[in-house]
Amino acid sequence: MSLAVFDMGGSSIKYGLWDQQTLHQTGSFATPATFEQLQIQLKQIITLNKNQITGVAFSSPGAVNVKNRRIDGISAIPYIHQRPIFDELESYLGLPVAIENDANCAGICEMTLGAGKYVENAIFVVIGTGVGGAIFINNRLYKGAHLFGGEVGLMHNLNGKTLSYNGTAVNTAKRFSEQYGDKITGIELFEQKEAGDKRAVQAIADMYNHLADSLYNIQVSLDPEMVILGGGISARPELAEALQTRLQLLLTKEGVAEILPEVRSCHYQNNANLIGAAINFENMQKNR
């Protein structure tokens, strides 16, 4: 089975070929302005591939409603929502289509092949421009009654702000810039921290504390064996260690240190969404 796989984002769409359980021929193009333009570019990528494509797998923002074959909610790609997108894509591309939420796809990848392959219960937390997530219970993706399972970025911290506001390098750098007048990026904020800038050290520590605060609430609610961290920041070795240490302190304070989960960074990094989309397609075909 050779699958064309696509990861749809607000600024770019990544793609690749999933063949022999391996991802090949990866690339990307700018996210088109309309759905019609999107379909044209998707077909061009598929047509140019010399392999015999048997299906198309998508990782997508939004609340993917598989039962009703549409994408609910909102995202940075407005035109993919509230339309019969499964049917439209299958008709235009002439191939079977599977679509799943991007955080769920990344989680599926890591639970099947990556950091969580040997555990049954885990929470996958994606830290990017916002915070997203996916919940796995008994090795099954839990999507919730309204398809909002895993939307941990909407959790509130003690300051009354959401985790997406408090817990990302992008937003932490933005607040740092507003406070001190120097416009910097998340990467530059970490560079200043590593250079010993006390202001940057404190800003990153605050961000870690907010993340740990939310992980504590997740842990005492769902009790997963593992927390898997995704997003660009997860490539930093210090992240998992910093959150594990802080989470341990919070659990110990309440006398439940024994329920500390293992906190690990994801294995497949930027390819997790594409690989997870392919695995989701294969699973959907098996369950038909």
C-alpha atoms as a PDB file:
ATOM      1  CA  MET A   1       0.000   0.000   0.000  1.00  0.00           C
ATOM      2  CA  SER A   2       1.467   3.350  -1.100  1.00  0.00           C
ATOM      3  CA  LEU A   3      -0.205   6.398   0.388  1.00  0.00           C
ATOM      4  CA  ALA A   4       0.111  10.080  -0.401  1.00  0.00           C
ATOM      5  CA  VAL A   5       0.217  11.821   2.974  1.00  0.00           C
ATOM      6  CA  PHE A   6      -0.417  15.510   3.702  1.00  0.00           C
ATOM      7  CA  ASP A   7      -0.114  17.610   6.854  1.00  0.00           C
ATOM      8  CA  MET A   8      -2.210  20.771   6.504  1.00  0.00           C
ATOM      9  CA  GLY A   9      -1.060  23.888   8.327  1.00  0.00           C
ATOM     10  CA  GLY A  10      -1.982  27.550   8.223  1.00  0.00           C
ATOM     11  CA  SER A  11       1.166  28.626   6.365  1.00  0.00           C
ATOM     12  CA  SER A  12       2.335  25.463   4.614  1.00  0.00           C
ATOM     13  CA  ILE A  13       1.264  21.966   3.696  1.00  0.00           C
ATOM     14  CA  LYS A  14       3.794  19.190   4.109  1.00  0.00           C
ATOM     15  CA  TYR A  15       3.589  16.027   2.059  1.00  0.00           C
ATOM     16  CA  GLY A  16       5.269  12.684   1.555  1.00  0.00           C
ATOM     17  CA  LEU A  17       4.894   9.131   0.329  1.00  0.00           C
ATOM     18  CA  TRP A  18       4.191   6.333   2.817  1.00  0.00           C
ATOM     19  CA  ASP A  19       5.418   3.069   1.337  1.00  0.00           C
ATOM     20  CA  GLN A  20       6.690  -0.141   2.970  1.00  0.00           C
ATOM     21  CA  GLN A  21       6.044   1.418   6.400  1.00  0.00           C
ATOM     22  CA  THR A  22       8.525   4.193   5.625  1.00  0.00           C
ATOM     23  CA  LEU A  23       8.115   7.881   4.809  1.00  0.00           C
ATOM     24  CA  HIS A  24       9.722   8.998   1.537  1.00  0.00           C
ATOM     25  CA  GLN A  25       9.810  11.981  -0.828  1.00  0.00           C
ATOM     26  CA  THR A  26       8.848  14.646   1.693  1.00  0.00           C
ATOM     27  CA  GLY A  27       8.330  18.279   0.740  1.00  0.00           C
ATOM     28  CA  SER A  28       5.999  21.217   1.275  1.00  0.00           C
ATOM     29  CA  PHE A  29       4.132  24.020  -0.468  1.00  0.00           C
ATOM     30  CA  ALA A  30       2.486  27.230   0.717  1.00  0.00           C
ATOM     31  CA  THR A  31      -1.083  26.778   1.930  1.00  0.00           C
ATOM     32  CA  PRO A  32      -3.390  27.814  -0.957  1.00  0.00           C
ATOM     33  CA  ALA A  33      -5.877  30.645  -0.549  1.00  0.00           C
ATOM     34  CA  THR A  34      -8.937  28.592  -1.578  1.00  0.00           C
ATOM     35  CA  PHE A  35     -10.203  25.027  -1.377  1.00  0.00           C
ATOM     36  CA  GLU A  36     -10.236  24.761  -5.172  1.00  0.00           C
ATOM     37  CA  GLN A  37      -6.559  25.721  -5.343  1.00  0.00           C
ATOM     38  CA  LEU A  38      -5.798  23.241  -2.569  1.00  0.00           C
ATOM     39  CA  GLN A  39      -7.399  20.404  -4.519  1.00  0.00           C
ATOM     40  CA  ILE A  40      -5.405  21.291  -7.644  1.00  0.00           C
ATOM     41  CA  GLN A  41      -2.096  21.245  -5.768  1.00  0.00           C
ATOM     42  CA  LEU A  42      -2.916  17.992  -3.995  1.00  0.00           C
ATOM     43  CA  LYS A  43      -3.695  16.321  -7.318  1.00  0.00           C
ATOM     44  CA  GLN A  44      -0.490  17.634  -8.868  1.00  0.00           C
ATOM     45  CA  ILE A  45       1.597  16.117  -6.070  1.00  0.00           C
ATOM     46  CA  ILE A  46      -0.208  12.780  -6.354  1.00  0.00           C
ATOM     47  CA  THR A  47      -0.003  12.703 -10.155  1.00  0.00           C
ATOM     48  CA  LEU A  48       3.727  13.450 -10.176  1.00  0.00           C
ATOM     49  CA  ASN A  49       4.418  10.459  -7.939  1.00  0.00           C
ATOM     50  CA  LYS A  50       5.618   7.463  -9.894  1.00  0.00           C
ATOM     51  CA  ASN A  51       4.347   4.983  -7.299  1.00  0.00           C
ATOM     52  CA  GLN A  52       0.879   3.476  -7.534  1.00  0.00           C
ATOM     53  CA  ILE A  53      -1.021   5.534  -4.951  1.00  0.00           C
ATOM     54  CA  THR A  54      -3.841   3.606  -3.286  1.00  0.00           C
ATOM     55  CA  GLY A  55      -5.109   6.268  -0.887  1.00  0.00           C
ATOM     56  CA  VAL A  56      -4.612   9.747   0.557  1.00  0.00           C
ATOM     57  CA  ALA A  57      -4.099  10.432   4.261  1.00  0.00           C
ATOM     58  CA  PHE A  58      -4.454  13.858   5.864  1.00  0.00           C
ATOM     59  CA  SER A  59      -3.371  15.405   9.147  1.00  0.00           C
ATOM     60  CA  SER A  60      -5.563  18.452   9.671  1.00  0.00           C
ATOM     61  CA  PRO A  61      -6.294  21.208  12.176  1.00  0.00           C
ATOM     62  CA  GLY A  62      -9.758  21.361  13.691  1.00  0.00           C
ATOM     63  CA  ALA A  63     -12.169  18.865  15.225  1.00  0.00           C
ATOM     64  CA  VAL A  64     -12.278  16.133  12.601  1.00  0.00           C
ATOM     65  CA  ASN A  65     -15.721  14.548  12.579  1.00  0.00           C
ATOM     66  CA  VAL A  66     -15.070  11.185  10.938  1.00  0.00           C
ATOM     67  CA  LYS A  67     -18.640   9.979  11.440  1.00  0.00           C
ATOM     68  CA  ASN A  68     -20.140  12.937   9.568  1.00  0.00           C
ATOM     69  CA  ARG A  69     -17.173  13.220   7.189  1.00  0.00           C
ATOM     70  CA  ARG A  70     -16.398  16.879   7.830  1.00  0.00           C
ATOM     71  CA  ILE A  71     -14.091  19.066   9.932  1.00  0.00           C
ATOM     72  CA  ASP A  72     -15.805  20.982  12.731  1.00  0.00           C
ATOM     73  CA  GLY A  73     -14.420  23.858  14.764  1.00  0.00           C
ATOM     74  CA  ILE A  74     -12.135  26.577  13.428  1.00  0.00           C
ATOM     75  CA  SER A  75      -8.495  26.849  12.369  1.00  0.00           C
ATOM     76  CA  ALA A  76      -6.024  28.904  10.364  1.00  0.00           C
ATOM     77  CA  ILE A  77      -7.450  27.299   7.181  1.00  0.00           C
ATOM     78  CA  PRO A  78     -11.109  28.468   7.275  1.00  0.00           C
ATOM     79  CA  TYR A  79     -12.179  26.863   4.000  1.00  0.00           C
ATOM     80  CA  ILE A  80     -11.666  23.266   5.185  1.00  0.00           C
ATOM     81  CA  HIS A  81     -14.414  23.559   7.811  1.00  0.00           C
ATOM     82  CA  GLN A  82     -18.137  22.808   7.722  1.00  0.00           C
ATOM     83  CA  ARG A  83     -18.177  21.203   4.304  1.00  0.00           C
ATOM     84  CA  PRO A  84     -18.385  17.550   3.126  1.00  0.00           C
ATOM     85  CA  ILE A  85     -14.614  17.550   2.737  1.00  0.00           C
ATOM     86  CA  PHE A  86     -14.128  13.770   2.821  1.00  0.00           C
ATOM     87  CA  ASP A  87     -16.543  13.273  -0.069  1.00  0.00           C
ATOM     88  CA  GLU A  88     -15.240  16.267  -2.010  1.00  0.00           C
ATOM     89  CA  LEU A  89     -11.616  15.150  -1.806  1.00  0.00           C
ATOM     90  CA  GLU A  90     -12.435  11.543  -2.663  1.00  0.00           C
ATOM     91  CA  SER A  91     -14.436  12.655  -5.686  1.00  0.00           C
ATOM     92  CA  TYR A  92     -11.785  15.086  -6.958  1.00  0.00           C
ATOM     93  CA  LEU A  93      -8.749  12.884  -6.282  1.00  0.00           C
ATOM     94  CA  GLY A  94     -10.409   9.602  -7.258  1.00  0.00           C
ATOM     95  CA  LEU A  95      -8.942   7.837  -4.229  1.00  0.00           C
ATOM     96  CA  PRO A  96     -10.103   6.853  -0.734  1.00  0.00           C
ATOM     97  CA  VAL A  97      -9.338   9.521   1.872  1.00  0.00           C
ATOM     98  CA  ALA A  98      -8.771   9.472   5.633  1.00  0.00           C
ATOM     99  CA  ILE A  99      -8.499  12.645   7.724  1.00  0.00           C
ATOM    100  CA  GLU A 100      -7.618  13.057  11.405  1.00  0.00           C
ATOM    101  CA  ASN A 101      -6.698  15.977  13.668  1.00  0.00           C
ATOM    102  CA  ASP A 102      -3.014  16.892  13.511  1.00  0.00           C
ATOM    103  CA  ALA A 103      -2.274  16.413  17.221  1.00  0.00           C
ATOM    104  CA  ASN A 104      -4.116  13.089  17.122  1.00  0.00           C
ATOM    105  CA  CYS A 105      -2.039  12.026  14.112  1.00  0.00           C
ATOM    106  CA  ALA A 106       1.206  12.863  15.873  1.00  0.00           C
ATOM    107  CA  GLY A 107       0.012  10.950  18.912  1.00  0.00           C
ATOM    108  CA  ILE A 108      -0.988   7.941  16.808  1.00  0.00           C
ATOM    109  CA  CYS A 109       2.506   7.896  15.307  1.00  0.00           C
ATOM    110  CA  GLU A 110       4.240   8.032  18.678  1.00  0.00           C
ATOM    111  CA  MET A 111       1.944   5.460  20.302  1.00  0.00           C
ATOM    112  CA  THR A 112       2.347   3.047  17.388  1.00  0.00           C
ATOM    113  CA  LEU A 113       6.015   3.417  16.484  1.00  0.00           C
ATOM    114  CA  GLY A 114       7.638   5.997  18.726  1.00  0.00           C
ATOM    115  CA  ALA A 115       8.075   7.032  22.353  1.00  0.00           C
ATOM    116  CA  GLY A 116       4.802   5.476  23.545  1.00  0.00           C
ATOM    117  CA  LYS A 117       4.874   2.158  21.691  1.00  0.00           C
ATOM    118  CA  TYR A 118       5.282   0.133  24.893  1.00  0.00           C
ATOM    119  CA  VAL A 119       2.634   1.873  27.032  1.00  0.00           C
ATOM    120  CA  GLU A 120      -1.157   1.700  27.023  1.00  0.00           C
ATOM    121  CA  ASN A 121      -2.138   5.022  28.582  1.00  0.00           C
ATOM    122  CA  ALA A 122      -0.499   8.293  27.568  1.00  0.00           C
ATOM    123  CA  ILE A 123      -1.113  11.948  26.915  1.00  0.00           C
ATOM    124  CA  PHE A 124       0.560  13.571  23.919  1.00  0.00           C
ATOM    125  CA  VAL A 125       1.168  17.320  24.327  1.00  0.00           C
ATOM    126  CA  VAL A 126       2.129  19.407  21.291  1.00  0.00           C
ATOM    127  CA  ILE A 127       3.813  22.731  22.112  1.00  0.00           C
ATOM    128  CA  GLY A 128       3.926  25.033  19.097  1.00  0.00           C
ATOM    129  CA  THR A 129       2.370  28.438  18.521  1.00  0.00           C
ATOM    130  CA  GLY A 130      -0.343  27.113  20.844  1.00  0.00           C
ATOM    131  CA  VAL A 131      -0.706  23.905  22.837  1.00  0.00           C
ATOM    132  CA  GLY A 132      -2.654  20.885  21.616  1.00  0.00           C
ATOM    133  CA  GLY A 133      -2.808  17.274  22.610  1.00  0.00           C
ATOM    134  CA  ALA A 134      -4.169  13.776  22.257  1.00  0.00           C
ATOM    135  CA  ILE A 135      -5.318  11.267  24.866  1.00  0.00           C
ATOM    136  CA  PHE A 136      -4.757   7.522  24.616  1.00  0.00           C
ATOM    137  CA  ILE A 137      -6.546   5.135  26.973  1.00  0.00           C
ATOM    138  CA  ASN A 138      -5.935   1.386  26.674  1.00  0.00           C
ATOM    139  CA  ASN A 139      -4.080   2.068  23.421  1.00  0.00           C
ATOM    140  CA  ARG A 140      -7.112   3.781  21.902  1.00  0.00           C
ATOM    141  CA  LEU A 141      -7.415   7.423  20.934  1.00  0.00           C
ATOM    142  CA  TYR A 142      -9.990   9.152  23.136  1.00  0.00           C
ATOM    143  CA  LYS A 143     -11.643  12.012  21.240  1.00  0.00           C
ATOM    144  CA  GLY A 144     -14.381  12.945  23.717  1.00  0.00           C
ATOM    145  CA  ALA A 145     -18.118  13.572  23.371  1.00  0.00           C
ATOM    146  CA  HIS A 146     -17.590  16.776  21.356  1.00  0.00           C
ATOM    147  CA  LEU A 147     -14.302  15.803  19.644  1.00  0.00           C
ATOM    148  CA  PHE A 148     -12.394  18.091  22.030  1.00  0.00           C
ATOM    149  CA  GLY A 149     -10.543  15.409  23.975  1.00  0.00           C
ATOM    150  CA  GLY A 150      -6.914  16.428  24.342  1.00  0.00           C
ATOM    151  CA  GLU A 151      -7.397  20.181  23.818  1.00  0.00           C
ATOM    152  CA  VAL A 152      -5.157  20.872  26.798  1.00  0.00           C
ATOM    153  CA  GLY A 153      -4.222  24.315  25.483  1.00  0.00           C
ATOM    154  CA  LEU A 154      -7.615  25.531  26.708  1.00  0.00           C
ATOM    155  CA  MET A 155      -6.832  24.560  30.314  1.00  0.00           C
ATOM    156  CA  HIS A 156      -6.491  27.544  32.654  1.00  0.00           C
ATOM    157  CA  ASN A 157      -3.447  28.130  34.817  1.00  0.00           C
ATOM    158  CA  LEU A 158      -3.418  29.859  38.189  1.00  0.00           C
ATOM    159  CA  ASN A 159      -3.085  33.274  36.539  1.00  0.00           C
ATOM    160  CA  GLY A 160      -6.419  32.761  34.756  1.00  0.00           C
ATOM    161  CA  LYS A 161      -4.816  32.506  31.311  1.00  0.00           C
ATOM    162  CA  THR A 162      -4.874  29.434  29.080  1.00  0.00           C
ATOM    163  CA  LEU A 163      -1.973  27.046  28.713  1.00  0.00           C
ATOM    164  CA  SER A 164      -1.679  28.056  25.056  1.00  0.00           C
ATOM    165  CA  TYR A 165      -1.097  31.617  26.265  1.00  0.00           C
ATOM    166  CA  ASN A 166       1.286  30.679  29.081  1.00  0.00           C
ATOM    167  CA  GLY A 167       3.047  27.560  27.866  1.00  0.00           C
ATOM    168  CA  THR A 168       4.659  28.247  24.495  1.00  0.00           C
ATOM    169  CA  ALA A 169       8.030  29.745  23.609  1.00  0.00           C
ATOM    170  CA  VAL A 170       6.333  31.894  20.960  1.00  0.00           C
ATOM    171  CA  ASN A 171       4.023  33.620  23.424  1.00  0.00           C
ATOM    172  CA  THR A 172       6.630  33.739  26.192  1.00  0.00           C
ATOM    173  CA  ALA A 173       9.016  35.547  23.829  1.00  0.00           C
ATOM    174  CA  LYS A 174       6.227  37.920  22.807  1.00  0.00           C
ATOM    175  CA  ARG A 175       5.527  38.844  26.429  1.00  0.00           C
ATOM    176  CA  PHE A 176       9.254  39.180  27.093  1.00  0.00           C
ATOM    177  CA  SER A 177       9.553  41.556  24.133  1.00  0.00           C
ATOM    178  CA  GLU A 178       6.629  43.661  25.334  1.00  0.00           C
ATOM    179  CA  GLN A 179       8.047  43.854  28.859  1.00  0.00           C
ATOM    180  CA  TYR A 180      11.658  44.684  28.007  1.00  0.00           C
ATOM    181  CA  GLY A 181      11.336  46.375  24.616  1.00  0.00           C
ATOM    182  CA  ASP A 182      13.585  44.000  22.684  1.00  0.00           C
ATOM    183  CA  LYS A 183      11.677  42.101  20.011  1.00  0.00           C
ATOM    184  CA  ILE A 184      12.941  38.508  20.094  1.00  0.00           C
ATOM    185  CA  THR A 185      11.810  35.061  18.966  1.00  0.00           C
ATOM    186  CA  GLY A 186      11.373  31.945  21.071  1.00  0.00           C
ATOM    187  CA  ILE A 187      14.712  30.604  19.815  1.00  0.00           C
ATOM    188  CA  GLU A 188      16.432  33.854  20.730  1.00  0.00           C
ATOM    189  CA  LEU A 189      14.849  33.761  24.185  1.00  0.00           C
ATOM    190  CA  PHE A 190      16.431  30.351  24.800  1.00  0.00           C
ATOM    191  CA  GLU A 191      19.753  31.669  23.501  1.00  0.00           C
ATOM    192  CA  GLN A 192      19.601  34.526  26.003  1.00  0.00           C
ATOM    193  CA  LYS A 193      18.750  32.050  28.759  1.00  0.00           C
ATOM    194  CA  GLU A 194      21.736  29.889  27.842  1.00  0.00           C
ATOM    195  CA  ALA A 195      23.932  33.007  27.851  1.00  0.00           C
ATOM    196  CA  GLY A 196      22.909  33.610  31.465  1.00  0.00           C
ATOM    197  CA  ASP A 197      20.394  36.445  31.057  1.00  0.00           C
ATOM    198  CA  LYS A 198      18.473  36.323  34.351  1.00  0.00           C
ATOM    199  CA  ARG A 199      15.356  37.817  32.784  1.00  0.00           C
ATOM    200  CA  ALA A 200      15.281  35.090  30.128  1.00  0.00           C
ATOM    201  CA  VAL A 201      16.010  32.414  32.732  1.00  0.00           C
ATOM    202  CA  GLN A 202      12.975  33.547  34.731  1.00  0.00           C
ATOM    203  CA  ALA A 203      10.716  33.792  31.665  1.00  0.00           C
ATOM    204  CA  ILE A 204      11.522  30.217  30.603  1.00  0.00           C
ATOM    205  CA  ALA A 205      11.126  28.990  34.196  1.00  0.00           C
ATOM    206  CA  ASP A 206       7.669  30.589  34.361  1.00  0.00           C
ATOM    207  CA  MET A 207       6.708  28.876  31.103  1.00  0.00           C
ATOM    208  CA  TYR A 208       7.891  25.502  32.433  1.00  0.00           C
ATOM    209  CA  ASN A 209       5.966  26.064  35.670  1.00  0.00           C
ATOM    210  CA  HIS A 210       2.725  26.701  33.773  1.00  0.00           C
ATOM    211  CA  LEU A 211       3.234  23.554  31.695  1.00  0.00           C
ATOM    212  CA  ALA A 212       3.945  21.491  34.809  1.00  0.00           C
ATOM    213  CA  ASP A 213       0.875  22.939  36.526  1.00  0.00           C
ATOM    214  CA  SER A 214      -1.336  21.665  33.691  1.00  0.00           C
ATOM    215  CA  LEU A 215       0.457  18.315  33.537  1.00  0.00           C
ATOM    216  CA  TYR A 216      -0.270  17.897  37.250  1.00  0.00           C
ATOM    217  CA  ASN A 217      -4.001  18.357  36.614  1.00  0.00           C
ATOM    218  CA  ILE A 218      -3.868  15.921  33.704  1.00  0.00           C
ATOM    219  CA  GLN A 219      -1.999  13.359  35.793  1.00  0.00           C
ATOM    220  CA  VAL A 220      -4.408  13.365  38.732  1.00  0.00           C
ATOM    221  CA  SER A 221      -7.353  13.243  36.305  1.00  0.00           C
ATOM    222  CA  LEU A 222      -6.267  10.598  33.777  1.00  0.00           C
ATOM    223  CA  ASP A 223      -3.228   8.950  35.454  1.00  0.00           C
ATOM    224  CA  PRO A 224      -1.308   8.143  32.240  1.00  0.00           C
ATOM    225  CA  GLU A 225       1.900   6.114  32.310  1.00  0.00           C
ATOM    226  CA  MET A 226       3.642   8.588  30.039  1.00  0.00           C
ATOM    227  CA  VAL A 227       3.519  12.190  28.882  1.00  0.00           C
ATOM    228  CA  ILE A 228       4.915  12.568  25.357  1.00  0.00           C
ATOM    229  CA  LEU A 229       6.024  16.030  24.280  1.00  0.00           C
ATOM    230  CA  GLY A 230       5.817  17.225  20.676  1.00  0.00           C
ATOM    231  CA  GLY A 231       6.334  20.430  18.747  1.00  0.00           C
ATOM    232  CA  GLY A 232       9.587  22.156  17.851  1.00  0.00           C
ATOM    233  CA  ILE A 233      10.513  22.855  21.470  1.00  0.00           C
ATOM    234  CA  SER A 234      10.447  19.116  22.257  1.00  0.00           C
ATOM    235  CA  ALA A 235      13.772  18.744  20.422  1.00  0.00           C
ATOM    236  CA  ARG A 236      15.398  20.510  23.388  1.00  0.00           C
ATOM    237  CA  PRO A 237      16.688  17.802  25.780  1.00  0.00           C
ATOM    238  CA  GLU A 238      16.090  20.036  28.801  1.00  0.00           C
ATOM    239  CA  LEU A 239      12.317  20.234  28.254  1.00  0.00           C
ATOM    240  CA  ALA A 240      11.340  16.712  29.325  1.00  0.00           C
ATOM    241  CA  GLU A 241      13.725  16.800  32.281  1.00  0.00           C
ATOM    242  CA  ALA A 242      12.520  20.210  33.452  1.00  0.00           C
ATOM    243  CA  LEU A 243       8.851  19.189  33.300  1.00  0.00           C
ATOM    244  CA  GLN A 244       9.448  15.805  34.930  1.00  0.00           C
ATOM    245  CA  THR A 245      11.266  17.479  37.849  1.00  0.00           C
ATOM    246  CA  ARG A 246       8.565  20.086  38.352  1.00  0.00           C
ATOM    247  CA  LEU A 247       5.750  17.554  38.052  1.00  0.00           C
ATOM    248  CA  GLN A 248       7.438  15.331  40.618  1.00  0.00           C
ATOM    249  CA  LEU A 249       7.614  18.236  43.081  1.00  0.00           C
ATOM    250  CA  LEU A 250       3.918  19.019  42.627  1.00  0.00           C
ATOM    251  CA  LEU A 251       2.856  15.396  43.095  1.00  0.00           C
ATOM    252  CA  THR A 252       5.173  14.931  46.091  1.00  0.00           C
ATOM    253  CA  LYS A 253       3.688  18.027  47.734  1.00  0.00           C
ATOM    254  CA  GLU A 254       0.271  16.335  47.642  1.00  0.00           C
ATOM    255  CA  GLY A 255       1.641  13.001  48.833  1.00  0.00           C
ATOM    256  CA  VAL A 256       1.145  11.129  45.543  1.00  0.00           C
ATOM    257  CA  ALA A 257       4.691  10.967  44.170  1.00  0.00           C
ATOM    258  CA  GLU A 258       4.146   7.316  43.217  1.00  0.00           C
ATOM    259  CA  ILE A 259       1.889   8.285  40.297  1.00  0.00           C
ATOM    260  CA  LEU A 260       4.629  10.262  38.530  1.00  0.00           C
ATOM    261  CA  PRO A 261       4.536   9.446  34.800  1.00  0.00           C
ATOM    262  CA  GLU A 262       7.541   9.238  32.544  1.00  0.00           C
ATOM    263  CA  VAL A 263       7.917  12.469  30.568  1.00  0.00           C
ATOM    264  CA  ARG A 264       9.547  11.963  27.163  1.00  0.00           C
ATOM    265  CA  SER A 265      10.041  13.925  23.972  1.00  0.00           C
ATOM    266  CA  CYS A 266       8.532  12.469  20.827  1.00  0.00           C
ATOM    267  CA  HIS A 267      10.721  10.315  18.594  1.00  0.00           C
ATOM    268  CA  TYR A 268       9.569  11.302  15.105  1.00  0.00           C
ATOM    269  CA  GLN A 269       9.530  15.087  15.611  1.00  0.00           C
ATOM    270  CA  ASN A 270       8.428  16.958  12.437  1.00  0.00           C
ATOM    271  CA  ASN A 271       7.427  13.771  10.596  1.00  0.00           C
ATOM    272  CA  ALA A 272       5.044  12.546  13.308  1.00  0.00           C
ATOM    273  CA  ASN A 273       1.939  14.141  11.744  1.00  0.00           C
ATOM    274  CA  LEU A 274       2.577  12.616   8.311  1.00  0.00           C
ATOM    275  CA  ILE A 275       3.366   9.160   9.666  1.00  0.00           C
ATOM    276  CA  GLY A 276       0.382   9.255  12.021  1.00  0.00           C
ATOM    277  CA  ALA A 277      -1.916  10.228   9.149  1.00  0.00           C
ATOM    278  CA  ALA A 278      -0.725   7.174   7.216  1.00  0.00           C
ATOM    279  CA  ILE A 279      -1.220   4.857  10.188  1.00  0.00           C
ATOM    280  CA  ASN A 280      -4.687   6.317  10.745  1.00  0.00           C
ATOM    281  CA  PHE A 281      -5.564   5.563   7.100  1.00  0.00           C
ATOM    282  CA  GLU A 282      -4.380   1.974   7.491  1.00  0.00           C
ATOM    283  CA  ASN A 283      -6.367   1.565  10.716  1.00  0.00           C
ATOM    284  CA  MET A 284      -9.515   2.960   9.077  1.00  0.00           C
ATOM    285  CA  GLN A 285      -9.164   0.499   6.212  1.00  0.00           C
ATOM    286  CA  LYS A 286      -8.758  -2.426   8.634  1.00  0.00           C
ATOM    287  CA  ASN A 287     -11.893  -1.437  10.573  1.00  0.00           C
ATOM    288  CA  ARG A 288     -14.164  -1.102   7.535  1.00  0.00           C
END
